[in-house]
Amino acid sequence: MSGWSAHEGQAVALPFESVDTDQLIPARFMSVPRSKGYGSFLLHDMRHDGAGEQISDFPLNRHPAASVLVARRNFGSGSSREAAVYALVDFGIRVVIAPSFGDIFCGNAVNNQLLPLVLPEETIEAMLSRLGSGTAAIHIDLNVQMVSLDHQTYQFDLPEIWREKLINGWDDIDLTASRAGAIKSYRDSRKAAAPWVWPPQ
């Protein structure tokens, strides 16, 4: 998987709280092979009416080229389904900005090159007001941990492990493999310090 260190795109407001993983992708679509893409299932039951027609004024139906979502607190709560992240990524979303996220969602997101970017609630509300029902240009730089929306710039914190995984395009296995030398050194030092712990070769 290829990594990224900066993203430029269009941000759109999704001004809801507690958008959970069942809303992000309803369970009935999860038997579809990933190779077919999950983008059309993203927020399916929020984006479509009872007859299956797209709701024209839903944010992502108005602006399908948006690549950054700005949402309210507790985004990605609910079940641990990784398919929720697949749906976002396959739709073309690269960053979700919110005051808080579900913990497991965050791990799944970073492993699939989707940044869950946390900003203070008052900053989010200012962004939502700026976006309204439209879009705005946005730039996110992982190296300096800055996001710029319509000429307003905000600093954000990012765990170093997340930054490393996103920039290098790594999942958990790649990250562990990158530490192979350190793991071997630690194992060798423990063998030397406590040889009786290790089974005979």
N, C-alpha and C. Protein backbone atom coordinates (compact mmCIF):
# COMPACT_ATOMS: atom_id res chain seq x y z
N MET A 1 0.85 -1.18 0.00
CA MET A 1 0.00 0.00 0.00
C MET A 1 0.89 1.24 0.00
N SER A 2 0.58 2.21 -0.86
CA SER A 2 1.41 3.40 -0.93
C SER A 2 1.02 4.38 0.18
N GLY A 3 2.03 5.05 0.72
CA GLY A 3 1.77 6.01 1.78
C GLY A 3 1.58 7.41 1.25
N TRP A 4 1.35 8.34 2.16
CA TRP A 4 1.21 9.73 1.76
C TRP A 4 1.63 10.63 2.93
N SER A 5 2.14 11.80 2.59
CA SER A 5 2.54 12.73 3.63
C SER A 5 1.78 14.05 3.55
N ALA A 6 1.13 14.31 2.42
CA ALA A 6 0.33 15.52 2.28
C ALA A 6 -0.87 15.21 1.39
N HIS A 7 -1.98 15.88 1.69
CA HIS A 7 -3.18 15.68 0.88
C HIS A 7 -3.84 17.02 0.60
N GLU A 8 -4.21 17.22 -0.66
CA GLU A 8 -4.98 18.40 -1.04
C GLU A 8 -6.28 17.93 -1.65
N GLY A 9 -7.39 18.51 -1.25
CA GLY A 9 -8.67 18.09 -1.80
C GLY A 9 -9.76 19.06 -1.41
N GLN A 10 -10.99 18.56 -1.47
CA GLN A 10 -12.15 19.35 -1.10
C GLN A 10 -12.79 18.74 0.15
N ALA A 11 -13.06 19.59 1.12
CA ALA A 11 -13.70 19.14 2.35
C ALA A 11 -15.19 19.40 2.28
N VAL A 12 -15.96 18.49 2.89
CA VAL A 12 -17.41 18.64 2.96
C VAL A 12 -17.86 18.36 4.39
N ALA A 13 -18.90 19.06 4.82
CA ALA A 13 -19.42 18.87 6.17
C ALA A 13 -20.37 17.68 6.22
N LEU A 14 -20.17 16.82 7.22
CA LEU A 14 -21.12 15.76 7.55
C LEU A 14 -21.51 16.02 9.01
N PRO A 15 -22.41 16.98 9.24
CA PRO A 15 -22.59 17.56 10.58
C PRO A 15 -23.44 16.71 11.52
N PHE A 16 -23.02 15.45 11.70
CA PHE A 16 -23.75 14.54 12.57
C PHE A 16 -22.84 14.03 13.68
N GLU A 17 -23.43 13.73 14.84
CA GLU A 17 -22.70 13.07 15.93
C GLU A 17 -22.89 11.56 15.83
N SER A 18 -21.90 10.83 16.35
CA SER A 18 -21.99 9.38 16.53
C SER A 18 -22.38 8.66 15.24
N VAL A 19 -21.72 9.00 14.15
CA VAL A 19 -21.89 8.23 12.92
C VAL A 19 -21.19 6.89 13.15
N ASP A 20 -21.97 5.82 13.28
CA ASP A 20 -21.36 4.54 13.69
C ASP A 20 -21.04 3.68 12.47
N THR A 21 -20.38 2.55 12.76
CA THR A 21 -19.89 1.71 11.66
C THR A 21 -21.03 1.04 10.90
N ASP A 22 -22.17 0.83 11.58
CA ASP A 22 -23.31 0.25 10.87
C ASP A 22 -23.93 1.27 9.91
N GLN A 23 -23.83 2.54 10.23
CA GLN A 23 -24.27 3.56 9.28
C GLN A 23 -23.25 3.70 8.15
N LEU A 24 -21.98 3.60 8.50
CA LEU A 24 -20.95 3.75 7.45
C LEU A 24 -21.07 2.67 6.40
N ILE A 25 -21.34 1.43 6.84
CA ILE A 25 -21.66 0.36 5.88
C ILE A 25 -22.62 -0.62 6.56
N PRO A 26 -23.88 -0.65 6.14
CA PRO A 26 -24.83 -1.61 6.72
C PRO A 26 -24.34 -3.05 6.54
N ALA A 27 -24.62 -3.90 7.53
CA ALA A 27 -24.07 -5.26 7.56
C ALA A 27 -24.43 -6.08 6.33
N ARG A 28 -25.59 -5.81 5.72
CA ARG A 28 -26.03 -6.66 4.61
C ARG A 28 -25.12 -6.57 3.38
N PHE A 29 -24.25 -5.54 3.34
CA PHE A 29 -23.35 -5.41 2.19
C PHE A 29 -21.99 -6.06 2.43
N MET A 30 -21.76 -6.56 3.64
CA MET A 30 -20.40 -7.00 3.97
C MET A 30 -20.03 -8.36 3.39
N SER A 31 -20.99 -9.05 2.74
CA SER A 31 -20.64 -10.32 2.09
C SER A 31 -20.15 -10.09 0.66
N VAL A 32 -20.23 -8.87 0.19
CA VAL A 32 -19.74 -8.55 -1.16
C VAL A 32 -18.21 -8.61 -1.15
N PRO A 33 -17.58 -9.24 -2.16
CA PRO A 33 -16.11 -9.28 -2.19
C PRO A 33 -15.53 -7.88 -2.22
N ARG A 34 -14.48 -7.67 -1.45
CA ARG A 34 -13.84 -6.35 -1.40
C ARG A 34 -13.36 -5.92 -2.78
N SER A 35 -13.01 -6.91 -3.62
CA SER A 35 -12.50 -6.58 -4.94
C SER A 35 -13.52 -5.81 -5.78
N LYS A 36 -14.80 -5.88 -5.42
CA LYS A 36 -15.83 -5.14 -6.16
C LYS A 36 -15.94 -3.70 -5.69
N GLY A 37 -15.27 -3.37 -4.57
CA GLY A 37 -15.31 -2.00 -4.06
C GLY A 37 -16.50 -1.77 -3.16
N TYR A 38 -16.27 -1.04 -2.08
CA TYR A 38 -17.33 -0.77 -1.10
C TYR A 38 -17.82 0.67 -1.14
N GLY A 39 -17.28 1.47 -2.06
CA GLY A 39 -17.61 2.90 -2.08
C GLY A 39 -19.09 3.18 -2.25
N SER A 40 -19.79 2.39 -3.05
CA SER A 40 -21.21 2.65 -3.29
C SER A 40 -22.07 2.33 -2.07
N PHE A 41 -21.48 1.60 -1.10
CA PHE A 41 -22.23 1.24 0.11
C PHE A 41 -22.05 2.27 1.23
N LEU A 42 -21.12 3.20 1.05
CA LEU A 42 -20.83 4.16 2.12
C LEU A 42 -22.09 4.93 2.51
N LEU A 43 -22.43 4.90 3.80
CA LEU A 43 -23.58 5.62 4.34
C LEU A 43 -24.84 5.36 3.51
N HIS A 44 -24.97 4.14 3.02
CA HIS A 44 -26.01 3.81 2.05
C HIS A 44 -27.40 4.22 2.51
N ASP A 45 -27.73 3.87 3.75
CA ASP A 45 -29.11 4.11 4.20
C ASP A 45 -29.36 5.57 4.58
N MET A 46 -28.31 6.35 4.70
CA MET A 46 -28.45 7.79 4.92
C MET A 46 -28.48 8.53 3.58
N ARG A 47 -27.83 7.94 2.57
CA ARG A 47 -27.71 8.62 1.27
C ARG A 47 -28.87 8.29 0.33
N HIS A 48 -29.67 7.25 0.69
CA HIS A 48 -30.73 6.79 -0.21
C HIS A 48 -32.07 6.80 0.51
N ASP A 49 -33.14 7.00 -0.27
CA ASP A 49 -34.48 6.94 0.32
C ASP A 49 -35.00 5.50 0.29
N GLY A 50 -36.22 5.29 0.73
CA GLY A 50 -36.78 3.95 0.82
C GLY A 50 -36.90 3.25 -0.50
N ALA A 51 -36.94 4.02 -1.59
CA ALA A 51 -37.02 3.42 -2.93
C ALA A 51 -35.65 3.16 -3.53
N GLY A 52 -34.60 3.47 -2.76
CA GLY A 52 -33.24 3.24 -3.27
C GLY A 52 -32.68 4.37 -4.09
N GLU A 53 -33.39 5.48 -4.15
CA GLU A 53 -32.90 6.63 -4.92
C GLU A 53 -32.02 7.51 -4.04
N GLN A 54 -31.00 8.10 -4.63
CA GLN A 54 -30.13 9.00 -3.87
C GLN A 54 -30.91 10.22 -3.38
N ILE A 55 -30.65 10.60 -2.14
CA ILE A 55 -31.23 11.82 -1.58
C ILE A 55 -30.36 12.98 -2.05
N SER A 56 -30.94 13.85 -2.86
CA SER A 56 -30.12 14.81 -3.60
C SER A 56 -29.38 15.80 -2.71
N ASP A 57 -29.94 16.14 -1.54
CA ASP A 57 -29.25 17.14 -0.72
C ASP A 57 -28.37 16.55 0.38
N PHE A 58 -28.17 15.22 0.36
CA PHE A 58 -27.23 14.64 1.31
C PHE A 58 -25.81 15.08 0.92
N PRO A 59 -24.97 15.47 1.90
CA PRO A 59 -23.67 16.08 1.56
C PRO A 59 -22.84 15.33 0.53
N LEU A 60 -22.68 14.01 0.69
CA LEU A 60 -21.83 13.28 -0.25
C LEU A 60 -22.51 13.04 -1.59
N ASN A 61 -23.83 13.19 -1.66
CA ASN A 61 -24.51 13.12 -2.96
C ASN A 61 -24.36 14.45 -3.70
N ARG A 62 -24.35 15.56 -2.94
CA ARG A 62 -24.12 16.87 -3.57
C ARG A 62 -22.68 17.03 -4.03
N HIS A 63 -21.75 16.43 -3.25
CA HIS A 63 -20.32 16.66 -3.52
C HIS A 63 -19.57 15.33 -3.53
N PRO A 64 -19.79 14.49 -4.54
CA PRO A 64 -19.17 13.15 -4.54
C PRO A 64 -17.66 13.17 -4.73
N ALA A 65 -17.09 14.32 -5.13
CA ALA A 65 -15.64 14.37 -5.32
C ALA A 65 -14.91 14.78 -4.05
N ALA A 66 -15.64 15.06 -2.97
CA ALA A 66 -14.98 15.44 -1.71
C ALA A 66 -14.10 14.29 -1.21
N SER A 67 -12.95 14.64 -0.65
CA SER A 67 -12.04 13.61 -0.14
C SER A 67 -11.78 13.77 1.36
N VAL A 68 -12.37 14.81 1.97
CA VAL A 68 -12.21 15.04 3.40
C VAL A 68 -13.59 15.30 4.01
N LEU A 69 -13.91 14.56 5.09
CA LEU A 69 -15.17 14.76 5.81
C LEU A 69 -14.89 15.50 7.10
N VAL A 70 -15.76 16.46 7.44
CA VAL A 70 -15.70 17.12 8.74
C VAL A 70 -16.99 16.76 9.47
N ALA A 71 -16.83 16.04 10.60
CA ALA A 71 -17.99 15.51 11.31
C ALA A 71 -17.91 15.88 12.79
N ARG A 72 -19.00 15.59 13.49
CA ARG A 72 -19.02 15.86 14.93
C ARG A 72 -18.52 14.65 15.71
N ARG A 73 -18.59 14.72 17.03
CA ARG A 73 -17.93 13.77 17.93
C ARG A 73 -18.39 12.32 17.73
N ASN A 74 -17.48 11.41 18.16
CA ASN A 74 -17.77 9.98 18.24
C ASN A 74 -17.96 9.34 16.87
N PHE A 75 -17.19 9.77 15.90
CA PHE A 75 -17.27 9.21 14.55
C PHE A 75 -16.66 7.80 14.57
N GLY A 76 -17.33 6.85 13.89
CA GLY A 76 -16.80 5.49 13.79
C GLY A 76 -17.01 4.66 15.04
N SER A 77 -17.97 5.02 15.85
CA SER A 77 -18.28 4.20 17.03
C SER A 77 -19.02 2.94 16.59
N GLY A 78 -19.29 2.06 17.56
CA GLY A 78 -20.04 0.85 17.23
C GLY A 78 -19.15 -0.36 17.05
N SER A 79 -19.48 -1.20 16.09
CA SER A 79 -18.78 -2.47 15.93
C SER A 79 -17.37 -2.24 15.37
N SER A 80 -16.60 -3.34 15.37
CA SER A 80 -15.20 -3.23 14.94
C SER A 80 -15.02 -3.44 13.45
N ARG A 81 -16.11 -3.47 12.68
CA ARG A 81 -16.00 -3.85 11.28
C ARG A 81 -15.05 -2.95 10.49
N GLU A 82 -14.02 -3.58 9.92
CA GLU A 82 -13.04 -2.84 9.10
C GLU A 82 -13.68 -2.39 7.80
N ALA A 83 -14.77 -3.06 7.40
CA ALA A 83 -15.46 -2.69 6.16
C ALA A 83 -15.94 -1.24 6.17
N ALA A 84 -16.17 -0.68 7.36
CA ALA A 84 -16.57 0.72 7.44
C ALA A 84 -15.48 1.62 6.87
N VAL A 85 -14.24 1.27 7.17
CA VAL A 85 -13.11 2.04 6.62
C VAL A 85 -12.96 1.77 5.13
N TYR A 86 -13.14 0.50 4.73
CA TYR A 86 -13.07 0.19 3.30
C TYR A 86 -14.06 1.07 2.51
N ALA A 87 -15.28 1.23 3.05
CA ALA A 87 -16.29 2.02 2.33
C ALA A 87 -15.84 3.47 2.17
N LEU A 88 -15.26 4.03 3.22
CA LEU A 88 -14.76 5.41 3.14
C LEU A 88 -13.63 5.52 2.11
N VAL A 89 -12.67 4.62 2.22
CA VAL A 89 -11.50 4.68 1.33
C VAL A 89 -11.91 4.42 -0.12
N ASP A 90 -12.77 3.45 -0.34
CA ASP A 90 -13.19 3.13 -1.71
C ASP A 90 -14.03 4.26 -2.31
N PHE A 91 -14.71 5.04 -1.48
CA PHE A 91 -15.47 6.20 -1.98
C PHE A 91 -14.52 7.32 -2.40
N GLY A 92 -13.31 7.32 -1.80
CA GLY A 92 -12.33 8.37 -2.12
C GLY A 92 -12.01 9.29 -0.95
N ILE A 93 -12.51 8.94 0.24
CA ILE A 93 -12.23 9.75 1.43
C ILE A 93 -10.83 9.40 1.95
N ARG A 94 -10.02 10.42 2.20
CA ARG A 94 -8.67 10.20 2.70
C ARG A 94 -8.50 10.66 4.14
N VAL A 95 -9.35 11.58 4.58
CA VAL A 95 -9.23 12.13 5.93
C VAL A 95 -10.64 12.38 6.49
N VAL A 96 -10.84 12.01 7.75
CA VAL A 96 -12.05 12.39 8.47
C VAL A 96 -11.61 13.25 9.66
N ILE A 97 -12.18 14.43 9.79
CA ILE A 97 -11.84 15.34 10.88
C ILE A 97 -13.03 15.39 11.83
N ALA A 98 -12.77 15.13 13.12
CA ALA A 98 -13.85 15.12 14.12
C ALA A 98 -13.24 15.37 15.49
N PRO A 99 -14.07 15.71 16.49
CA PRO A 99 -13.53 15.90 17.84
C PRO A 99 -13.12 14.60 18.52
N SER A 100 -13.74 13.48 18.13
CA SER A 100 -13.40 12.18 18.73
C SER A 100 -13.85 11.06 17.80
N PHE A 101 -13.20 9.89 17.99
CA PHE A 101 -13.47 8.73 17.14
C PHE A 101 -13.59 7.48 18.00
N GLY A 102 -14.22 6.44 17.44
CA GLY A 102 -14.17 5.12 18.05
C GLY A 102 -12.74 4.60 18.00
N ASP A 103 -12.29 3.96 19.09
CA ASP A 103 -10.89 3.52 19.17
C ASP A 103 -10.53 2.52 18.09
N ILE A 104 -11.37 1.49 17.91
CA ILE A 104 -11.05 0.45 16.92
C ILE A 104 -11.11 1.02 15.52
N PHE A 105 -12.06 1.93 15.30
CA PHE A 105 -12.14 2.59 13.99
C PHE A 105 -10.81 3.26 13.66
N CYS A 106 -10.20 3.93 14.64
CA CYS A 106 -8.94 4.62 14.38
C CYS A 106 -7.85 3.64 13.92
N GLY A 107 -7.74 2.51 14.62
CA GLY A 107 -6.73 1.53 14.23
C GLY A 107 -6.96 1.01 12.82
N ASN A 108 -8.22 0.68 12.50
CA ASN A 108 -8.55 0.21 11.16
C ASN A 108 -8.27 1.30 10.12
N ALA A 109 -8.58 2.55 10.48
CA ALA A 109 -8.40 3.65 9.53
C ALA A 109 -6.92 3.82 9.16
N VAL A 110 -6.08 3.90 10.17
CA VAL A 110 -4.64 4.14 9.90
C VAL A 110 -4.05 2.97 9.12
N ASN A 111 -4.49 1.73 9.42
CA ASN A 111 -3.98 0.57 8.68
C ASN A 111 -4.39 0.58 7.21
N ASN A 112 -5.39 1.39 6.87
CA ASN A 112 -5.87 1.49 5.48
C ASN A 112 -5.65 2.87 4.87
N GLN A 113 -4.69 3.61 5.48
CA GLN A 113 -4.26 4.91 4.93
C GLN A 113 -5.32 6.00 5.01
N LEU A 114 -6.25 5.86 5.94
CA LEU A 114 -7.25 6.90 6.20
C LEU A 114 -6.88 7.58 7.50
N LEU A 115 -6.74 8.90 7.48
CA LEU A 115 -6.35 9.65 8.68
C LEU A 115 -7.58 10.06 9.49
N PRO A 116 -7.71 9.59 10.75
CA PRO A 116 -8.72 10.13 11.66
C PRO A 116 -8.09 11.31 12.42
N LEU A 117 -8.43 12.51 12.00
CA LEU A 117 -7.76 13.72 12.50
C LEU A 117 -8.63 14.37 13.58
N VAL A 118 -8.06 14.49 14.78
CA VAL A 118 -8.80 15.04 15.92
C VAL A 118 -8.48 16.53 16.07
N LEU A 119 -9.52 17.34 16.14
CA LEU A 119 -9.39 18.76 16.43
C LEU A 119 -10.41 19.12 17.52
N PRO A 120 -10.17 20.21 18.24
CA PRO A 120 -11.12 20.60 19.29
C PRO A 120 -12.52 20.88 18.73
N GLU A 121 -13.50 20.66 19.59
CA GLU A 121 -14.89 20.80 19.17
C GLU A 121 -15.19 22.19 18.61
N GLU A 122 -14.62 23.23 19.23
CA GLU A 122 -14.90 24.59 18.75
C GLU A 122 -14.30 24.82 17.36
N THR A 123 -13.17 24.19 17.10
CA THR A 123 -12.56 24.29 15.77
C THR A 123 -13.43 23.59 14.73
N ILE A 124 -13.94 22.40 15.12
CA ILE A 124 -14.82 21.66 14.21
C ILE A 124 -16.07 22.49 13.90
N GLU A 125 -16.64 23.11 14.91
CA GLU A 125 -17.86 23.89 14.68
C GLU A 125 -17.57 25.07 13.74
N ALA A 126 -16.39 25.68 13.90
CA ALA A 126 -16.01 26.77 12.98
C ALA A 126 -15.86 26.24 11.56
N MET A 127 -15.27 25.06 11.42
CA MET A 127 -15.13 24.46 10.09
C MET A 127 -16.50 24.14 9.49
N LEU A 128 -17.39 23.58 10.30
CA LEU A 128 -18.72 23.23 9.80
C LEU A 128 -19.47 24.48 9.34
N SER A 129 -19.32 25.57 10.11
CA SER A 129 -19.98 26.82 9.72
C SER A 129 -19.41 27.33 8.41
N ARG A 130 -18.08 27.23 8.28
CA ARG A 130 -17.45 27.70 7.04
C ARG A 130 -17.90 26.89 5.84
N LEU A 131 -18.02 25.58 6.03
CA LEU A 131 -18.37 24.71 4.90
C LEU A 131 -19.85 24.84 4.54
N GLY A 132 -20.72 24.93 5.55
CA GLY A 132 -22.14 24.99 5.26
C GLY A 132 -22.56 23.81 4.40
N SER A 133 -23.27 24.08 3.34
CA SER A 133 -23.69 23.00 2.43
C SER A 133 -22.77 22.90 1.22
N GLY A 134 -21.65 23.64 1.26
CA GLY A 134 -20.73 23.62 0.13
C GLY A 134 -19.45 22.87 0.45
N THR A 135 -18.40 23.21 -0.26
CA THR A 135 -17.09 22.61 -0.03
C THR A 135 -16.05 23.72 0.06
N ALA A 136 -14.86 23.35 0.50
CA ALA A 136 -13.74 24.30 0.52
C ALA A 136 -12.45 23.53 0.32
N ALA A 137 -11.46 24.22 -0.25
CA ALA A 137 -10.16 23.58 -0.45
C ALA A 137 -9.51 23.32 0.90
N ILE A 138 -8.87 22.17 1.02
CA ILE A 138 -8.22 21.80 2.28
C ILE A 138 -6.87 21.18 1.98
N HIS A 139 -5.91 21.45 2.85
CA HIS A 139 -4.56 20.89 2.71
C HIS A 139 -4.15 20.32 4.06
N ILE A 140 -3.69 19.08 4.06
CA ILE A 140 -3.25 18.42 5.29
C ILE A 140 -1.82 17.95 5.10
N ASP A 141 -0.93 18.33 6.01
CA ASP A 141 0.48 17.97 5.93
C ASP A 141 0.86 17.18 7.17
N LEU A 142 1.19 15.91 6.98
CA LEU A 142 1.54 15.06 8.12
C LEU A 142 2.90 15.41 8.71
N ASN A 143 3.82 15.93 7.88
CA ASN A 143 5.17 16.22 8.37
C ASN A 143 5.17 17.34 9.40
N VAL A 144 4.39 18.39 9.14
CA VAL A 144 4.35 19.51 10.09
C VAL A 144 3.07 19.50 10.92
N GLN A 145 2.21 18.51 10.67
CA GLN A 145 0.97 18.32 11.41
C GLN A 145 0.12 19.59 11.42
N MET A 146 -0.17 20.04 10.19
CA MET A 146 -0.99 21.23 10.00
C MET A 146 -2.09 20.93 8.99
N VAL A 147 -3.27 21.51 9.24
CA VAL A 147 -4.36 21.44 8.29
C VAL A 147 -4.79 22.87 7.96
N SER A 148 -4.96 23.15 6.67
CA SER A 148 -5.40 24.48 6.23
C SER A 148 -6.72 24.34 5.50
N LEU A 149 -7.72 25.09 5.96
CA LEU A 149 -9.03 25.10 5.32
C LEU A 149 -9.38 26.53 4.97
N ASP A 150 -9.46 26.78 3.68
CA ASP A 150 -9.86 28.11 3.21
C ASP A 150 -9.03 29.21 3.89
N HIS A 151 -7.69 29.04 3.85
CA HIS A 151 -6.71 30.02 4.35
C HIS A 151 -6.64 30.10 5.87
N GLN A 152 -7.37 29.28 6.58
CA GLN A 152 -7.26 29.21 8.04
C GLN A 152 -6.47 27.95 8.38
N THR A 153 -5.42 28.11 9.21
CA THR A 153 -4.54 26.98 9.49
C THR A 153 -4.68 26.54 10.95
N TYR A 154 -4.65 25.21 11.15
CA TYR A 154 -4.79 24.63 12.49
C TYR A 154 -3.69 23.58 12.68
N GLN A 155 -3.10 23.56 13.88
CA GLN A 155 -2.13 22.53 14.25
C GLN A 155 -2.89 21.33 14.82
N PHE A 156 -2.37 20.13 14.55
CA PHE A 156 -2.99 18.94 15.17
C PHE A 156 -1.92 18.01 15.69
N ASP A 157 -2.28 17.21 16.68
CA ASP A 157 -1.39 16.19 17.23
C ASP A 157 -1.67 14.86 16.53
N LEU A 158 -0.60 14.09 16.38
CA LEU A 158 -0.74 12.79 15.72
C LEU A 158 0.24 11.83 16.38
N PRO A 159 -0.23 10.67 16.85
CA PRO A 159 0.72 9.70 17.41
C PRO A 159 1.81 9.37 16.39
N GLU A 160 3.05 9.29 16.85
CA GLU A 160 4.18 9.08 15.94
C GLU A 160 4.02 7.77 15.15
N ILE A 161 3.48 6.74 15.80
CA ILE A 161 3.27 5.46 15.10
C ILE A 161 2.29 5.65 13.94
N TRP A 162 1.21 6.41 14.16
CA TRP A 162 0.24 6.66 13.08
C TRP A 162 0.93 7.39 11.93
N ARG A 163 1.69 8.41 12.29
CA ARG A 163 2.36 9.21 11.24
C ARG A 163 3.29 8.32 10.42
N GLU A 164 4.04 7.47 11.10
CA GLU A 164 4.98 6.58 10.42
C GLU A 164 4.25 5.61 9.50
N LYS A 165 3.13 5.06 9.98
CA LYS A 165 2.37 4.11 9.16
C LYS A 165 1.74 4.79 7.95
N LEU A 166 1.18 5.98 8.13
CA LEU A 166 0.54 6.67 7.02
C LEU A 166 1.57 7.09 5.96
N ILE A 167 2.69 7.64 6.38
CA ILE A 167 3.69 8.12 5.44
C ILE A 167 4.31 6.95 4.66
N ASN A 168 4.53 5.82 5.35
CA ASN A 168 5.17 4.68 4.69
C ASN A 168 4.19 3.72 4.05
N GLY A 169 2.89 3.91 4.28
CA GLY A 169 1.92 2.97 3.72
C GLY A 169 1.94 1.63 4.43
N TRP A 170 2.20 1.63 5.73
CA TRP A 170 2.34 0.39 6.49
C TRP A 170 1.07 0.03 7.23
N ASP A 171 0.83 -1.29 7.39
CA ASP A 171 -0.14 -1.78 8.35
C ASP A 171 0.63 -2.31 9.56
N ASP A 172 -0.06 -3.03 10.47
CA ASP A 172 0.61 -3.50 11.69
C ASP A 172 1.74 -4.48 11.38
N ILE A 173 1.54 -5.34 10.36
CA ILE A 173 2.58 -6.32 10.02
C ILE A 173 3.82 -5.60 9.48
N ASP A 174 3.60 -4.63 8.59
CA ASP A 174 4.73 -3.87 8.05
C ASP A 174 5.49 -3.16 9.17
N LEU A 175 4.74 -2.58 10.10
CA LEU A 175 5.39 -1.86 11.21
C LEU A 175 6.25 -2.82 12.04
N THR A 176 5.71 -4.01 12.34
CA THR A 176 6.48 -4.99 13.11
C THR A 176 7.71 -5.43 12.34
N ALA A 177 7.55 -5.66 11.03
CA ALA A 177 8.69 -6.08 10.21
C ALA A 177 9.78 -5.01 10.19
N SER A 178 9.38 -3.75 10.25
CA SER A 178 10.37 -2.66 10.22
C SER A 178 11.21 -2.64 11.50
N ARG A 179 10.72 -3.30 12.54
CA ARG A 179 11.44 -3.34 13.82
C ARG A 179 12.16 -4.68 14.02
N ALA A 180 12.33 -5.46 12.92
CA ALA A 180 12.89 -6.81 13.04
C ALA A 180 14.27 -6.81 13.70
N GLY A 181 15.10 -5.84 13.34
CA GLY A 181 16.44 -5.78 13.92
C GLY A 181 16.39 -5.54 15.42
N ALA A 182 15.55 -4.61 15.85
CA ALA A 182 15.43 -4.31 17.28
C ALA A 182 14.85 -5.50 18.04
N ILE A 183 13.89 -6.19 17.41
CA ILE A 183 13.29 -7.36 18.06
C ILE A 183 14.34 -8.46 18.25
N LYS A 184 15.17 -8.69 17.21
CA LYS A 184 16.22 -9.71 17.31
C LYS A 184 17.24 -9.33 18.39
N SER A 185 17.62 -8.06 18.43
CA SER A 185 18.59 -7.62 19.44
C SER A 185 18.06 -7.83 20.84
N TYR A 186 16.79 -7.50 21.05
CA TYR A 186 16.18 -7.69 22.38
C TYR A 186 16.12 -9.17 22.74
N ARG A 187 15.71 -9.99 21.76
CA ARG A 187 15.65 -11.44 22.02
C ARG A 187 17.03 -11.99 22.37
N ASP A 188 18.06 -11.56 21.63
CA ASP A 188 19.41 -12.04 21.90
C ASP A 188 19.88 -11.61 23.29
N SER A 189 19.53 -10.36 23.68
CA SER A 189 19.95 -9.89 25.01
C SER A 189 19.24 -10.66 26.11
N ARG A 190 17.96 -10.99 25.89
CA ARG A 190 17.22 -11.76 26.90
C ARG A 190 17.75 -13.19 26.99
N LYS A 191 18.15 -13.75 25.84
CA LYS A 191 18.73 -15.10 25.86
C LYS A 191 20.03 -15.12 26.66
N ALA A 192 20.84 -14.06 26.48
CA ALA A 192 22.12 -13.99 27.19
C ALA A 192 21.90 -13.78 28.68
N ALA A 193 20.88 -12.98 29.05
CA ALA A 193 20.66 -12.65 30.46
C ALA A 193 19.97 -13.78 31.21
N ALA A 194 19.12 -14.55 30.53
CA ALA A 194 18.34 -15.60 31.20
C ALA A 194 18.24 -16.82 30.29
N PRO A 195 19.37 -17.50 30.06
CA PRO A 195 19.36 -18.61 29.09
C PRO A 195 18.47 -19.78 29.51
N TRP A 196 18.21 -19.92 30.85
CA TRP A 196 17.40 -21.04 31.32
C TRP A 196 15.91 -20.92 30.95
N VAL A 197 15.51 -19.71 30.52
CA VAL A 197 14.11 -19.49 30.16
C VAL A 197 13.80 -20.08 28.79
N TRP A 198 14.79 -20.17 27.94
CA TRP A 198 14.59 -20.53 26.54
C TRP A 198 14.67 -22.05 26.36
N PRO A 199 13.84 -22.64 25.54
CA PRO A 199 13.90 -24.10 25.32
C PRO A 199 15.21 -24.47 24.63
N PRO A 200 15.74 -25.69 24.91
CA PRO A 200 16.98 -26.12 24.24
C PRO A 200 16.78 -26.21 22.73
N GLN A 201 17.81 -25.84 22.00
CA GLN A 201 17.74 -25.86 20.53
C GLN A 201 18.00 -27.28 20.02
